[in-house]
Amino acid sequence: MSAKPSTLTERRKAATQLDIARAAARLFTEHGAEGTTAEAIATAAGVAPRTFYRYFRTKEDAVAPLLVVGAASWREHLAATEEGTPLLRAVEDAIRKTISAADEAPEFTWTRGLLRAAVAEDSALAAVWHRVNGASEIRLRPVLARLAPQADELTVQLVAAAATAAIRISLERWAGTDEKAAPAELAVRCFRGLSGGLEV
């Protein structure tokens, strides 16, 4: 699990970054990648352009904090698993809980817009999405290792890769549809397909 900001200054910085990320996600959703500028994001977030560039190099980078929050939430659900739960079942349960809970958040609607923009328009936005997924996979490994201390390192890496890919694929497929409900069961199905050969 990623460390949470500990000082007041760090918390304020994190809050500002998240406000900018929400504004960026909304504008990407409403106007697409080409129709969104860093200056427009700064205005929507209520900050000066220089503040925007203090935190982010590009307009695409600005969405990362919002995506990171979702990834952290998923690891927290998994870390809260009852002791003794088989690892693959624990991962399935955490995937289902996380995506089902996200369905109620306005940010989740923006995720669809972001992914549509990333897939259809903007390779830089797609790169941010893949970078966040890669970082999430690495941070997931110690959580899985604590839940299954009997599992070897390779198995832990494979489960982390399967879980991360399952969530990513399900969200990308969902983003290309008009389905309103979050793809919790699709994500579980993807995970079962990707982890079918694993024994934990």
Protein backbone atom coordinates (compact mmCIF):
# COMPACT_ATOMS: atom_id res chain seq x y z
CA MET A 1 0.00 0.00 0.00
CA SER A 2 1.32 3.43 -0.84
CA ALA A 3 2.21 5.71 2.04
CA LYS A 4 -0.31 8.41 2.80
CA PRO A 5 0.80 12.05 3.18
CA SER A 6 1.92 12.54 6.78
CA THR A 7 2.44 16.28 7.20
CA LEU A 8 -0.06 19.09 6.71
CA THR A 9 1.97 20.42 3.78
CA GLU A 10 2.04 17.00 2.12
CA ARG A 11 -1.71 16.58 2.64
CA ARG A 12 -2.41 19.99 1.12
CA LYS A 13 -0.17 19.18 -1.83
CA ALA A 14 -1.91 15.84 -2.34
CA ALA A 15 -5.34 17.50 -2.11
CA THR A 16 -4.37 20.13 -4.69
CA GLN A 17 -3.04 17.46 -7.03
CA LEU A 18 -6.25 15.47 -6.69
CA ASP A 19 -8.38 18.57 -7.36
CA ILE A 20 -6.37 19.22 -10.53
CA ALA A 21 -6.69 15.55 -11.51
CA ARG A 22 -10.47 15.63 -11.11
CA ALA A 23 -10.69 18.77 -13.22
CA ALA A 24 -8.45 17.18 -15.87
CA ALA A 25 -10.52 14.00 -15.96
CA ARG A 26 -13.74 15.95 -16.34
CA LEU A 27 -12.37 18.08 -19.18
CA PHE A 28 -10.88 15.09 -20.99
CA THR A 29 -14.27 13.38 -20.70
CA GLU A 30 -16.20 16.40 -21.96
CA HIS A 31 -13.82 17.70 -24.64
CA GLY A 32 -11.45 14.86 -25.47
CA ALA A 33 -7.68 15.06 -25.55
CA GLU A 34 -7.38 17.58 -28.36
CA GLY A 35 -9.97 19.89 -26.84
CA THR A 36 -8.32 20.01 -23.42
CA THR A 37 -5.37 22.23 -22.49
CA ALA A 38 -3.27 22.52 -19.36
CA GLU A 39 -4.46 26.11 -18.97
CA ALA A 40 -8.10 25.01 -19.11
CA ILE A 41 -7.43 22.35 -16.49
CA ALA A 42 -5.78 24.91 -14.22
CA THR A 43 -8.75 27.26 -14.59
CA ALA A 44 -11.25 24.48 -13.88
CA ALA A 45 -9.28 23.46 -10.79
CA GLY A 46 -9.08 27.05 -9.54
CA VAL A 47 -5.29 27.26 -9.65
CA ALA A 48 -2.83 29.35 -11.63
CA PRO A 49 -1.09 27.76 -14.63
CA ARG A 50 2.23 28.04 -12.80
CA THR A 51 0.75 25.94 -9.97
CA PHE A 52 -0.35 23.35 -12.50
CA TYR A 53 3.15 23.13 -13.95
CA ARG A 54 4.67 22.93 -10.49
CA TYR A 55 2.95 19.58 -10.08
CA PHE A 56 2.65 18.22 -13.62
CA ARG A 57 4.77 18.38 -16.78
CA THR A 58 1.89 17.79 -19.19
CA LYS A 59 -1.90 17.85 -19.29
CA GLU A 60 -1.93 14.05 -19.52
CA ASP A 61 0.20 13.65 -16.38
CA ALA A 62 -2.47 15.54 -14.45
CA VAL A 63 -4.87 12.58 -14.40
CA ALA A 64 -2.41 10.24 -12.68
CA PRO A 65 -3.37 11.10 -9.05
CA LEU A 66 -7.00 10.17 -9.76
CA LEU A 67 -6.00 6.83 -11.25
CA VAL A 68 -3.59 6.19 -8.38
CA VAL A 69 -6.43 6.66 -5.86
CA GLY A 70 -8.36 3.86 -7.56
CA ALA A 71 -5.34 1.58 -7.52
CA ALA A 72 -4.70 2.30 -3.83
CA SER A 73 -8.34 1.56 -2.98
CA TRP A 74 -8.07 -1.85 -4.62
CA ARG A 75 -4.94 -2.74 -2.63
CA GLU A 76 -6.64 -1.61 0.60
CA HIS A 77 -9.61 -3.90 -0.07
CA LEU A 78 -7.21 -6.77 -0.66
CA ALA A 79 -5.11 -6.02 2.44
CA ALA A 80 -8.29 -6.16 4.55
CA THR A 81 -8.93 -9.78 3.52
CA GLU A 82 -9.77 -12.14 6.35
CA GLU A 83 -6.80 -14.26 7.38
CA GLY A 84 -6.81 -17.75 5.89
CA THR A 85 -8.73 -16.82 2.73
CA PRO A 86 -7.26 -18.60 -0.31
CA LEU A 87 -5.26 -16.07 -2.31
CA LEU A 88 -7.04 -16.34 -5.66
CA ARG A 89 -10.44 -16.05 -3.96
CA ALA A 90 -9.19 -13.07 -1.95
CA VAL A 91 -8.13 -11.33 -5.16
CA GLU A 92 -11.49 -12.05 -6.82
CA ASP A 93 -13.38 -10.69 -3.81
CA ALA A 94 -11.23 -7.53 -3.71
CA ILE A 95 -11.67 -6.93 -7.44
CA ARG A 96 -15.43 -7.31 -7.15
CA LYS A 97 -15.70 -5.04 -4.08
CA THR A 98 -13.44 -2.33 -5.50
CA ILE A 99 -15.10 -2.02 -8.88
CA SER A 100 -18.62 -2.32 -7.45
CA ALA A 101 -17.88 0.44 -4.91
CA ALA A 102 -16.30 2.64 -7.59
CA ASP A 103 -19.52 2.44 -9.58
CA GLU A 104 -21.07 4.98 -7.20
CA ALA A 105 -18.31 7.59 -7.51
CA PRO A 106 -18.48 10.38 -10.12
CA GLU A 107 -14.78 9.86 -10.79
CA PHE A 108 -15.60 6.44 -12.20
CA THR A 109 -17.66 8.01 -14.98
CA TRP A 110 -14.64 10.17 -15.79
CA THR A 111 -12.51 7.04 -15.98
CA ARG A 112 -14.60 5.95 -18.96
CA GLY A 113 -14.01 9.28 -20.68
CA LEU A 114 -10.30 9.12 -19.92
CA LEU A 115 -9.94 5.62 -21.32
CA ARG A 116 -11.91 6.49 -24.42
CA ALA A 117 -9.65 9.48 -25.00
CA ALA A 118 -6.55 7.41 -24.33
CA VAL A 119 -7.51 4.58 -26.67
CA ALA A 120 -8.89 6.73 -29.46
CA GLU A 121 -6.91 9.93 -29.36
CA ASP A 122 -3.91 10.40 -27.16
CA SER A 123 -0.91 8.10 -26.83
CA ALA A 124 0.47 10.28 -24.01
CA LEU A 125 -2.73 9.76 -22.01
CA ALA A 126 -2.53 6.03 -22.71
CA ALA A 127 1.07 6.06 -21.46
CA VAL A 128 -0.05 7.56 -18.12
CA TRP A 129 -2.71 4.86 -17.78
CA HIS A 130 -0.21 2.07 -18.44
CA ARG A 131 2.38 3.66 -16.14
CA VAL A 132 -0.12 3.78 -13.26
CA ASN A 133 -1.05 0.14 -13.88
CA GLY A 134 2.60 -0.90 -13.90
CA ALA A 135 3.29 0.89 -10.63
CA SER A 136 0.16 -0.61 -9.09
CA GLU A 137 1.27 -4.12 -10.05
CA ILE A 138 4.61 -3.63 -8.29
CA ARG A 139 2.96 -2.23 -5.14
CA LEU A 140 0.52 -5.13 -5.14
CA ARG A 141 3.21 -7.78 -4.73
CA PRO A 142 4.02 -7.24 -1.01
CA VAL A 143 0.29 -7.21 -0.22
CA LEU A 144 -0.12 -10.57 -1.92
CA ALA A 145 3.02 -11.94 -0.25
CA ARG A 146 1.62 -11.08 3.19
CA LEU A 147 -1.67 -12.81 2.38
CA ALA A 148 0.06 -15.94 1.06
CA PRO A 149 3.43 -16.31 2.82
CA GLN A 150 3.69 -19.87 1.49
CA ALA A 151 3.70 -18.66 -2.14
CA ASP A 152 7.02 -18.30 -3.92
CA GLU A 153 8.14 -15.00 -5.45
CA LEU A 154 7.30 -15.99 -9.03
CA THR A 155 3.75 -17.00 -8.10
CA VAL A 156 3.23 -13.69 -6.31
CA GLN A 157 4.46 -11.81 -9.38
CA LEU A 158 2.18 -13.80 -11.67
CA VAL A 159 -0.90 -13.22 -9.47
CA ALA A 160 -0.11 -9.49 -9.30
CA ALA A 161 0.28 -9.34 -13.08
CA ALA A 162 -2.94 -11.28 -13.67
CA ALA A 163 -4.96 -9.14 -11.25
CA THR A 164 -3.66 -5.85 -12.65
CA ALA A 165 -4.20 -6.93 -16.25
CA ALA A 166 -7.70 -8.21 -15.47
CA ILE A 167 -8.78 -4.85 -14.04
CA ARG A 168 -7.13 -2.92 -16.87
CA ILE A 169 -8.66 -5.05 -19.64
CA SER A 170 -12.14 -5.03 -18.12
CA LEU A 171 -12.12 -1.25 -17.69
CA GLU A 172 -10.84 -0.68 -21.23
CA ARG A 173 -13.53 -2.95 -22.70
CA TRP A 174 -16.22 -1.32 -20.54
CA ALA A 175 -15.08 2.15 -21.62
CA GLY A 176 -15.80 1.23 -25.23
CA THR A 177 -19.43 0.36 -24.47
CA ASP A 178 -22.51 2.19 -23.20
CA GLU A 179 -22.95 -0.13 -20.23
CA LYS A 180 -23.74 1.88 -17.11
CA ALA A 181 -22.85 -0.71 -14.50
CA ALA A 182 -19.21 -1.12 -13.55
CA PRO A 183 -17.58 -4.25 -15.01
CA ALA A 184 -16.98 -6.07 -11.74
CA GLU A 185 -17.95 -9.52 -13.01
CA LEU A 186 -16.04 -9.01 -16.26
CA ALA A 187 -12.93 -8.18 -14.24
CA VAL A 188 -13.36 -11.35 -12.17
CA ARG A 189 -13.84 -13.37 -15.36
CA CYS A 190 -10.64 -11.87 -16.80
CA PHE A 191 -8.74 -12.68 -13.64
CA ARG A 192 -9.93 -16.29 -13.66
CA GLY A 193 -8.84 -16.62 -17.27
CA LEU A 194 -5.40 -15.13 -16.61
CA SER A 195 -4.77 -17.00 -13.36
CA GLY A 196 -6.22 -20.38 -14.40
CA GLY A 197 -2.88 -22.19 -14.36
CA LEU A 198 -1.77 -20.87 -10.99
CA GLU A 199 -1.86 -22.94 -7.81
CA VAL A 200 -1.79 -20.93 -4.58
